[in-house]
Every structure is written in C-alpha cells, then in structure tokens.
Amino acid sequence: MLALTTFTAPTIASIENKVLRQQLQQIIDLKTKPLGALGRLETLALQLGMIQGTTKPQIEQPQIRVFAADHGLTKHGTSAYPSAVTAQMVYNFLQGGAAINVLARQHNIELKVVDAGVDTDFEPHPQLLNHKIRHGSRDALVEPAMAEEECLAALERGMTVVKELPGNLLIVGEMGIGNTSAASLLLARLGNVPIADCIGRGTGLNDKGLQHKTEILKQVLTQHKDVKEPLSALAALGGLEVAMMAGALIKAASERRILLIDGFIASSALLVAERLAPGVIQYAIFAHHSVEPGHIHLLKLLNAQPLLDMGMRLGEGSGAALAYPLLQSACAIINEMASFSEAGISEQNS
C-alpha cells in the first residue's frame, strides 16, 4: 500500500503563554483556601484557561458526536456480538435509550449520531448526520480496512462535522462492533506496544474468544507489516469511525475547542490525530481510565492523567460525559470563588 500524502492538517496553535499561565496560577493561589487545597481541580482550571487563552474560562454549548461504523474484520469472530448490533445501537441512540443519551440529557449536552460507515441505511432523522463513506470497513486480514481515498474522506468529513458545530467543547463517542480491535491494532503499530498487551475482551469475550482475537490481530499486523506511517496505518488497520473521530479532533483543536476525551477508542483516535497534527493533545482533557487493557498503554504514550477511574468500558463517550461536571466546577471555582482580599480574610503567613 502506498503512503498517503494528500491530507493537509490545519494549523494547531500552541496554548503556551507564560504570562497567562502566571496570571491564572496567581488567581487560583489567591482564592480563599490553602495553596493547592483543591488539588486537580486547580490544575484543571488552569488548563482550561490556557486552552481558551483567558483568565475567565467558561464552557459554552458542549457537544457530543457519536461516530458509528462497522468493521469487516468481525467476520473472523473477533467480537462477542454480531455486527448487526452496531445498527441496532444507532437506533437506540436515536430513540434516546442509551447510556450516553441519559448522561447527555442530565448534563444538557447536545448529542447527535454520525453515520461514518454503518452496514445499514437509515431513514433521515434529526439526530442523525449521514457522512457514510461505505457500508463498513474492509476485512483488514486480507486487505487494508480502508482504501486511501476512503481514509482521507473520513478524515475530511470528521473535520466537516466540527465546522458546523456551535460551542467550545467536544466529546467524540463511538459505536462499532469490532472497534476495540481497530484501536488495539493502531496502538500496537503506532505505539510499538506488543499486540497481546493491547487487546481486551471488548464487549465481553471469554478466554477462548480472547485468545482467538489475539491470534487474528497478530495475523493482521503481519499482513500489513510494512505499514508504518500514521495515515497508512490508519487506512490499513483502523476504522471509518476512528478516522472520522481523528479528523474531528484535529479540526476542533485548530479552533481551540476543549477536547474531553473518553476511553480506549477515543484515545486511539487522539493518538492518530496527534501524529497527523502535532499539538492536538494540548487541547485534550482525559475523562477516565477505561478497564480495556490497551488504554493504560495509550494513556502512558500520551502522557495523560485521567480525571476518573470508574471501572468503565462502554464507550459512546459515556466516561467523558460523566466527567463533564468536573470541568464546569473548575470554571466556577476560578470565576466565582472569592479571593482573600475580596472576602477580607488574612492570607497565609509567608
């Protein structure tokens, strides 16, 4: 497979500003509390200020986009569920019955589903965005999961989804039976992690199923042993929804949006995005530590410290939605909490 060379990523601005960092730190330190007493809430407030380039960070019109697609590799029994579940879950999202729907409603986050490549044609629906590239990816055991032009189209359409978004915070969720395999393959190749360490039970494989999945993914990596570059690896090993998520993250970072990153699949999309457009990761806040085994390796690779560890592995953006109120709290603390001088309280003795 030839290396893909025609994707041009937008410019990702550095969030680093020494003066602003000092201003934010001083504002936080002078709040009515001992230094550092609010722990990671303080560092989160500082990061939000740096991302937005202001001493008064705030979240406006947060958005969740759940990208859905099927995977040709599932025909080899790499998942505990049949591929038909992808479309069935899309219907569940559209009816408002999934976990991510519940959490989005609770926190007043707008949710829409993006058809990146589900092997089903859906009737038009106000909550469904049709960006289908094809009816599921190809079988990566025998050929690249995506042709070059399909991979590039998925990246571009992910960027298009973000162009049309209001607000300043993005959560990318996903639904796709077999996408833990795609994420594991991308981690193994781009992160140089042994594939056995990248693979988990996904939707609930038993021991025999996990061993079979491991053997299949080893064969996939062998089939594409010469694929090294990020774009080519994404096309050969990834999935339509992962590629579209990567494009969305790149575009959102270029617009200085906050990226609230979910679990294993979303982090694999971020890894691809960072390799294609260095600097994207500056805008990322990691919501939670998934119990999917590969996620710990991704977090180390991305030098990330997630906010929560709830033993979750659902995907959909659910862990990110759960962590969202912490960002609201961080903004409230920096904007609304009184300083020592405002409250007439004596500061700590020097």
Protein backbone atom coordinates (compact mmCIF):
# COMPACT_ATOMS: atom_id res chain seq x y z
CA MET A 1 0.00 0.00 0.00
CA LEU A 2 1.33 3.43 -0.90
CA ALA A 3 1.83 6.04 1.80
CA LEU A 4 -0.96 8.60 1.93
CA THR A 5 0.38 12.09 1.32
CA THR A 6 -2.59 14.27 0.37
CA PHE A 7 -4.06 15.07 3.81
CA THR A 8 -3.23 18.58 4.89
CA ALA A 9 -3.94 19.21 8.56
CA PRO A 10 -4.94 22.68 9.73
CA THR A 11 -2.55 24.64 11.93
CA ILE A 12 -2.66 23.75 15.61
CA ALA A 13 -1.73 26.75 17.72
CA SER A 14 0.34 26.34 20.88
CA ILE A 15 -1.61 27.07 24.04
CA GLU A 16 1.57 28.01 25.92
CA ASN A 17 1.64 31.60 27.17
CA LYS A 18 3.96 32.24 30.09
CA VAL A 19 2.29 35.46 31.18
CA LEU A 20 -1.20 33.95 31.08
CA ARG A 21 -0.03 30.86 32.97
CA GLN A 22 1.36 33.07 35.74
CA GLN A 23 -1.82 35.13 35.87
CA LEU A 24 -4.01 32.04 36.11
CA GLN A 25 -1.83 30.48 38.79
CA GLN A 26 -1.90 33.68 40.85
CA ILE A 27 -5.69 33.93 40.59
CA ILE A 28 -6.05 30.32 41.73
CA ASP A 29 -3.50 30.66 44.53
CA LEU A 30 -5.24 33.75 45.96
CA LYS A 31 -8.63 32.05 46.31
CA THR A 32 -9.87 31.57 49.89
CA LYS A 33 -8.15 28.22 50.51
CA PRO A 34 -4.71 26.88 51.38
CA LEU A 35 -2.35 26.63 48.39
CA GLY A 36 -3.21 23.58 46.30
CA ALA A 37 -6.10 22.56 48.56
CA LEU A 38 -8.44 21.91 45.65
CA GLY A 39 -5.93 19.54 44.09
CA ARG A 40 -6.55 18.57 40.49
CA LEU A 41 -9.50 20.94 40.25
CA GLU A 42 -6.92 23.74 40.33
CA THR A 43 -4.75 22.26 37.58
CA LEU A 44 -7.89 21.61 35.54
CA ALA A 45 -8.96 25.25 35.88
CA LEU A 46 -5.50 26.36 34.77
CA GLN A 47 -5.57 24.05 31.75
CA LEU A 48 -8.99 25.30 30.70
CA GLY A 49 -7.77 28.88 30.93
CA MET A 50 -4.71 28.07 28.84
CA ILE A 51 -6.78 26.30 26.18
CA GLN A 52 -9.16 29.24 25.89
CA GLY A 53 -6.46 31.90 26.29
CA THR A 54 -8.27 33.68 29.11
CA THR A 55 -8.30 34.12 32.90
CA LYS A 56 -12.06 33.51 32.83
CA PRO A 57 -12.61 30.14 31.13
CA GLN A 58 -16.16 29.04 30.52
CA ILE A 59 -17.91 26.22 28.68
CA GLU A 60 -20.49 27.12 26.06
CA GLN A 61 -22.86 24.76 24.24
CA PRO A 62 -20.97 21.48 24.82
CA GLN A 63 -21.38 18.91 22.05
CA ILE A 64 -21.27 15.12 21.82
CA ARG A 65 -20.94 13.42 18.46
CA VAL A 66 -21.14 9.63 18.44
CA PHE A 67 -19.45 8.21 15.33
CA ALA A 68 -20.74 4.81 14.21
CA ALA A 69 -19.35 2.28 11.74
CA ASP A 70 -18.99 -1.43 11.12
CA HIS A 71 -15.77 -3.41 10.73
CA GLY A 72 -15.09 -6.10 8.14
CA LEU A 73 -12.68 -7.88 10.47
CA THR A 74 -15.57 -9.02 12.69
CA LYS A 75 -16.36 -11.80 10.20
CA HIS A 76 -13.45 -13.65 11.85
CA GLY A 77 -15.16 -13.79 15.24
CA THR A 78 -13.17 -11.07 16.99
CA SER A 79 -16.18 -9.74 18.90
CA ALA A 80 -18.66 -11.26 21.32
CA TYR A 81 -21.54 -9.54 19.49
CA PRO A 82 -22.58 -9.68 15.82
CA SER A 83 -22.07 -6.65 13.59
CA ALA A 84 -25.84 -6.14 13.43
CA VAL A 85 -25.64 -4.66 16.93
CA THR A 86 -23.98 -1.52 15.55
CA ALA A 87 -27.11 -0.51 13.64
CA GLN A 88 -29.34 -1.65 16.48
CA MET A 89 -27.45 0.62 18.87
CA VAL A 90 -27.71 3.53 16.44
CA TYR A 91 -31.48 3.11 16.59
CA ASN A 92 -31.22 3.05 20.38
CA PHE A 93 -29.25 6.32 20.33
CA LEU A 94 -31.85 7.91 18.06
CA GLN A 95 -34.62 6.79 20.42
CA GLY A 96 -32.75 8.24 23.39
CA GLY A 97 -32.28 4.96 25.23
CA ALA A 98 -28.50 4.51 25.52
CA ALA A 99 -26.28 5.43 28.44
CA ILE A 100 -24.82 8.37 26.55
CA ASN A 101 -28.33 9.70 25.91
CA VAL A 102 -29.10 9.60 29.60
CA LEU A 103 -25.86 11.36 30.58
CA ALA A 104 -26.17 13.94 27.79
CA ARG A 105 -29.70 14.81 28.94
CA GLN A 106 -28.60 15.00 32.57
CA HIS A 107 -25.80 17.46 31.78
CA ASN A 108 -27.57 19.35 28.97
CA ILE A 109 -25.03 18.37 26.30
CA GLU A 110 -26.28 18.27 22.71
CA LEU A 111 -25.93 14.77 21.22
CA LYS A 112 -26.04 13.66 17.62
CA VAL A 113 -25.02 10.43 15.90
CA VAL A 114 -22.73 10.41 12.86
CA ASP A 115 -23.08 7.51 10.43
CA ALA A 116 -19.46 7.10 9.36
CA GLY A 117 -19.90 3.66 7.83
CA VAL A 118 -22.65 1.50 9.34
CA ASP A 119 -23.60 -1.50 7.22
CA THR A 120 -27.23 -0.34 7.21
CA ASP A 121 -29.03 2.52 5.50
CA PHE A 122 -31.04 4.68 7.89
CA GLU A 123 -34.07 6.83 7.26
CA PRO A 124 -33.44 10.56 7.80
CA HIS A 125 -33.60 11.57 11.45
CA PRO A 126 -32.96 14.95 13.09
CA GLN A 127 -30.38 13.42 15.42
CA LEU A 128 -28.53 11.53 12.67
CA LEU A 129 -25.81 13.01 10.46
CA ASN A 130 -25.18 10.96 7.33
CA HIS A 131 -21.49 11.00 6.45
CA LYS A 132 -21.30 7.35 5.40
CA ILE A 133 -18.15 6.52 3.46
CA ARG A 134 -19.07 2.92 2.73
CA HIS A 135 -21.04 0.07 4.33
CA GLY A 136 -18.42 -0.97 6.88
CA SER A 137 -14.67 -1.19 6.55
CA ARG A 138 -12.99 -3.96 4.58
CA ASP A 139 -11.54 -7.13 6.08
CA ALA A 140 -8.14 -5.99 7.37
CA LEU A 141 -6.94 -9.60 7.46
CA VAL A 142 -6.78 -9.67 3.66
CA GLU A 143 -6.64 -6.00 2.58
CA PRO A 144 -6.49 -2.51 4.07
CA ALA A 145 -9.55 -1.67 6.15
CA MET A 146 -9.96 1.48 4.06
CA ALA A 147 -8.72 2.46 0.63
CA GLU A 148 -6.57 5.58 0.66
CA GLU A 149 -9.33 7.79 -0.70
CA GLU A 150 -11.81 6.40 1.84
CA CYS A 151 -9.47 7.12 4.74
CA LEU A 152 -8.86 10.66 3.54
CA ALA A 153 -12.59 11.19 3.01
CA ALA A 154 -13.30 10.03 6.57
CA LEU A 155 -10.75 12.48 7.98
CA GLU A 156 -12.20 15.32 5.92
CA ARG A 157 -15.79 14.51 6.88
CA GLY A 158 -14.82 14.40 10.54
CA MET A 159 -13.47 17.91 10.10
CA THR A 160 -16.69 18.93 8.35
CA VAL A 161 -18.76 17.71 11.30
CA VAL A 162 -16.85 20.07 13.59
CA LYS A 163 -17.03 23.03 11.21
CA GLU A 164 -20.79 23.01 11.68
CA LEU A 165 -20.73 22.79 15.49
CA PRO A 166 -21.59 25.55 17.94
CA GLY A 167 -19.93 25.74 21.34
CA ASN A 168 -16.39 25.31 22.58
CA LEU A 169 -16.23 21.75 23.98
CA LEU A 170 -16.33 18.50 22.02
CA ILE A 171 -16.79 14.92 23.17
CA VAL A 172 -16.31 12.28 20.48
CA GLY A 173 -18.02 8.99 21.22
CA GLU A 174 -18.21 5.87 19.10
CA MET A 175 -20.24 2.80 18.33
CA GLY A 176 -18.91 -0.02 16.20
CA ILE A 177 -18.79 -3.73 16.89
CA GLY A 178 -15.13 -4.62 16.38
CA ASN A 179 -13.64 -1.21 17.05
CA THR A 180 -11.58 -2.36 20.03
CA SER A 181 -9.68 -4.48 17.50
CA ALA A 182 -9.01 -1.42 15.33
CA ALA A 183 -7.87 0.58 18.36
CA SER A 184 -5.61 -2.26 19.52
CA LEU A 185 -4.02 -2.56 16.10
CA LEU A 186 -3.36 1.17 15.89
CA LEU A 187 -1.85 1.22 19.38
CA ALA A 188 0.38 -1.74 18.58
CA ARG A 189 1.67 -0.23 15.35
CA LEU A 190 1.88 3.48 16.22
CA GLY A 191 2.86 2.97 19.86
CA ASN A 192 5.17 -0.02 19.34
CA VAL A 193 3.29 -1.96 22.04
CA PRO A 194 3.05 -5.77 21.86
CA ILE A 195 -0.36 -6.63 20.45
CA ALA A 196 -1.14 -9.03 23.32
CA ASP A 197 -0.85 -6.07 25.72
CA CYS A 198 -3.25 -4.00 23.61
CA ILE A 199 -6.11 -6.46 23.45
CA GLY A 200 -9.01 -6.80 25.86
CA ARG A 201 -12.34 -8.57 25.99
CA GLY A 202 -14.15 -5.74 24.23
CA THR A 203 -17.86 -6.41 24.50
CA GLY A 204 -17.28 -9.49 26.67
CA LEU A 205 -15.18 -12.21 25.06
CA ASN A 206 -14.45 -15.33 27.10
CA ASP A 207 -10.92 -16.74 27.45
CA LYS A 208 -11.18 -18.77 24.26
CA GLY A 209 -12.55 -15.79 22.36
CA LEU A 210 -9.80 -13.54 23.67
CA GLN A 211 -7.12 -15.98 22.53
CA HIS A 212 -8.74 -16.21 19.09
CA LYS A 213 -8.93 -12.41 18.84
CA THR A 214 -5.25 -12.16 19.72
CA GLU A 215 -4.25 -14.63 17.03
CA ILE A 216 -6.34 -12.85 14.38
CA LEU A 217 -4.89 -9.45 15.23
CA LYS A 218 -1.35 -10.82 15.12
CA GLN A 219 -2.08 -12.06 11.60
CA VAL A 220 -3.47 -8.64 10.64
CA LEU A 221 -0.28 -6.93 11.80
CA THR A 222 1.78 -9.43 9.82
CA GLN A 223 -0.37 -8.84 6.74
CA HIS A 224 0.39 -5.11 7.00
CA LYS A 225 3.91 -5.37 8.42
CA ASP A 226 5.31 -2.71 6.09
CA VAL A 227 2.72 -0.08 7.05
CA LYS A 228 4.38 2.34 9.47
CA GLU A 229 3.28 5.92 8.78
CA PRO A 230 0.23 7.24 10.69
CA LEU A 231 -2.04 7.79 7.67
CA SER A 232 -1.19 4.47 6.10
CA ALA A 233 -1.61 2.69 9.44
CA LEU A 234 -4.99 4.33 9.94
CA ALA A 235 -6.14 3.19 6.49
CA ALA A 236 -4.81 -0.35 6.84
CA LEU A 237 -5.68 -1.07 10.46
CA GLY A 238 -8.26 1.44 11.63
CA GLY A 239 -11.95 2.01 11.09
CA LEU A 240 -14.16 4.56 9.42
CA GLU A 241 -15.42 5.95 12.72
CA VAL A 242 -11.90 6.12 14.19
CA ALA A 243 -10.67 8.05 11.14
CA MET A 244 -13.63 10.41 11.28
CA MET A 245 -13.09 10.97 15.01
CA ALA A 246 -9.43 11.78 14.35
CA GLY A 247 -10.45 14.36 11.76
CA ALA A 248 -12.97 15.86 14.17
CA LEU A 249 -10.36 16.15 16.93
CA ILE A 250 -7.85 17.81 14.60
CA LYS A 251 -10.38 20.38 13.43
CA ALA A 252 -11.65 21.05 16.97
CA ALA A 253 -8.11 21.64 18.23
CA SER A 254 -7.43 24.01 15.35
CA GLU A 255 -10.44 26.01 16.58
CA ARG A 256 -9.18 25.97 20.20
CA ARG A 257 -12.08 23.84 21.41
CA ILE A 258 -11.76 21.78 24.58
CA LEU A 259 -11.42 18.08 23.73
CA LEU A 260 -12.91 15.96 26.50
CA ILE A 261 -11.54 12.50 25.68
CA ASP A 262 -13.42 9.32 26.55
CA GLY A 263 -11.83 5.86 26.75
CA PHE A 264 -9.84 3.42 24.64
CA ILE A 265 -11.31 4.05 21.19
CA ALA A 266 -11.43 7.83 21.57
CA SER A 267 -7.85 7.83 22.85
CA SER A 268 -6.72 5.79 19.85
CA ALA A 269 -8.33 8.41 17.59
CA LEU A 270 -6.48 11.10 19.55
CA LEU A 271 -3.19 9.23 19.07
CA VAL A 272 -3.76 9.24 15.31
CA ALA A 273 -4.80 12.91 15.40
CA GLU A 274 -1.67 13.89 17.33
CA ARG A 275 0.58 12.02 14.91
CA LEU A 276 -1.09 13.72 11.93
CA ALA A 277 -1.29 17.19 13.51
CA PRO A 278 1.18 17.58 16.39
CA GLY A 279 -0.23 19.81 19.11
CA VAL A 280 -3.78 18.43 19.19
CA ILE A 281 -3.08 16.83 22.55
CA GLN A 282 -2.65 20.25 24.20
CA TYR A 283 -6.41 20.68 23.95
CA ALA A 284 -7.23 17.25 25.41
CA ILE A 285 -8.57 16.57 28.88
CA PHE A 286 -8.75 12.85 29.62
CA ALA A 287 -12.00 11.92 31.28
CA HIS A 288 -11.43 8.46 32.66
CA HIS A 289 -9.29 5.34 32.77
CA SER A 290 -11.03 2.55 30.90
CA VAL A 291 -10.56 -1.02 32.09
CA GLU A 292 -9.85 -2.05 28.49
CA PRO A 293 -6.21 -3.22 28.86
CA GLY A 294 -4.82 -1.20 25.98
CA HIS A 295 -5.99 2.08 27.48
CA ILE A 296 -3.28 2.18 30.16
CA HIS A 297 -0.66 1.94 27.41
CA LEU A 298 -2.36 4.70 25.43
CA LEU A 299 -2.50 6.94 28.49
CA LYS A 300 1.22 6.40 29.12
CA LEU A 301 2.02 7.04 25.48
CA LEU A 302 0.04 10.29 25.58
CA ASN A 303 1.41 11.27 28.99
CA ALA A 304 -2.16 11.57 30.23
CA GLN A 305 -3.68 11.58 33.70
CA PRO A 306 -7.43 10.89 33.51
CA LEU A 307 -9.87 12.54 35.89
CA LEU A 308 -11.86 9.45 36.86
CA ASP A 309 -11.38 5.72 37.33
CA MET A 310 -14.85 4.20 37.44
CA GLY A 311 -14.14 0.75 36.02
CA MET A 312 -15.97 1.64 32.80
CA ARG A 313 -15.51 0.24 29.29
CA LEU A 314 -18.74 1.15 27.49
CA GLY A 315 -17.53 3.76 25.03
CA GLU A 316 -20.14 6.00 23.37
CA GLY A 317 -18.50 8.99 25.09
CA SER A 318 -20.07 7.91 28.37
CA GLY A 319 -16.97 8.35 30.53
CA ALA A 320 -16.40 11.83 29.11
CA ALA A 321 -20.00 12.86 29.78
CA LEU A 322 -19.63 11.58 33.34
CA ALA A 323 -16.51 13.71 33.87
CA TYR A 324 -18.01 16.82 32.29
CA PRO A 325 -19.31 18.37 35.57
CA LEU A 326 -15.73 18.50 36.86
CA LEU A 327 -14.89 20.95 34.08
CA GLN A 328 -17.93 23.02 35.00
CA SER A 329 -16.74 23.06 38.60
CA ALA A 330 -13.23 24.12 37.60
CA CYS A 331 -14.63 27.05 35.64
CA ALA A 332 -16.92 28.02 38.52
CA ILE A 333 -14.07 27.97 41.03
CA ILE A 334 -11.83 30.30 39.05
CA ASN A 335 -14.69 32.66 38.10
CA GLU A 336 -16.83 32.74 41.23
CA MET A 337 -14.74 31.85 44.28
CA ALA A 338 -13.66 34.86 46.33
CA SER A 339 -10.04 35.85 46.81
CA PHE A 340 -8.62 36.53 50.26
CA SER A 341 -8.77 40.28 49.69
CA GLU A 342 -12.34 40.16 48.35
CA ALA A 343 -13.50 38.17 51.36
CA GLY A 344 -11.48 40.21 53.89
CA ILE A 345 -9.62 37.08 55.06
CA SER A 346 -5.99 37.14 56.14
CA GLU A 347 -3.62 35.28 53.85
CA GLN A 348 -1.20 32.60 54.97
CA ASN A 349 1.90 33.89 56.76
CA SER A 350 4.93 33.93 54.47
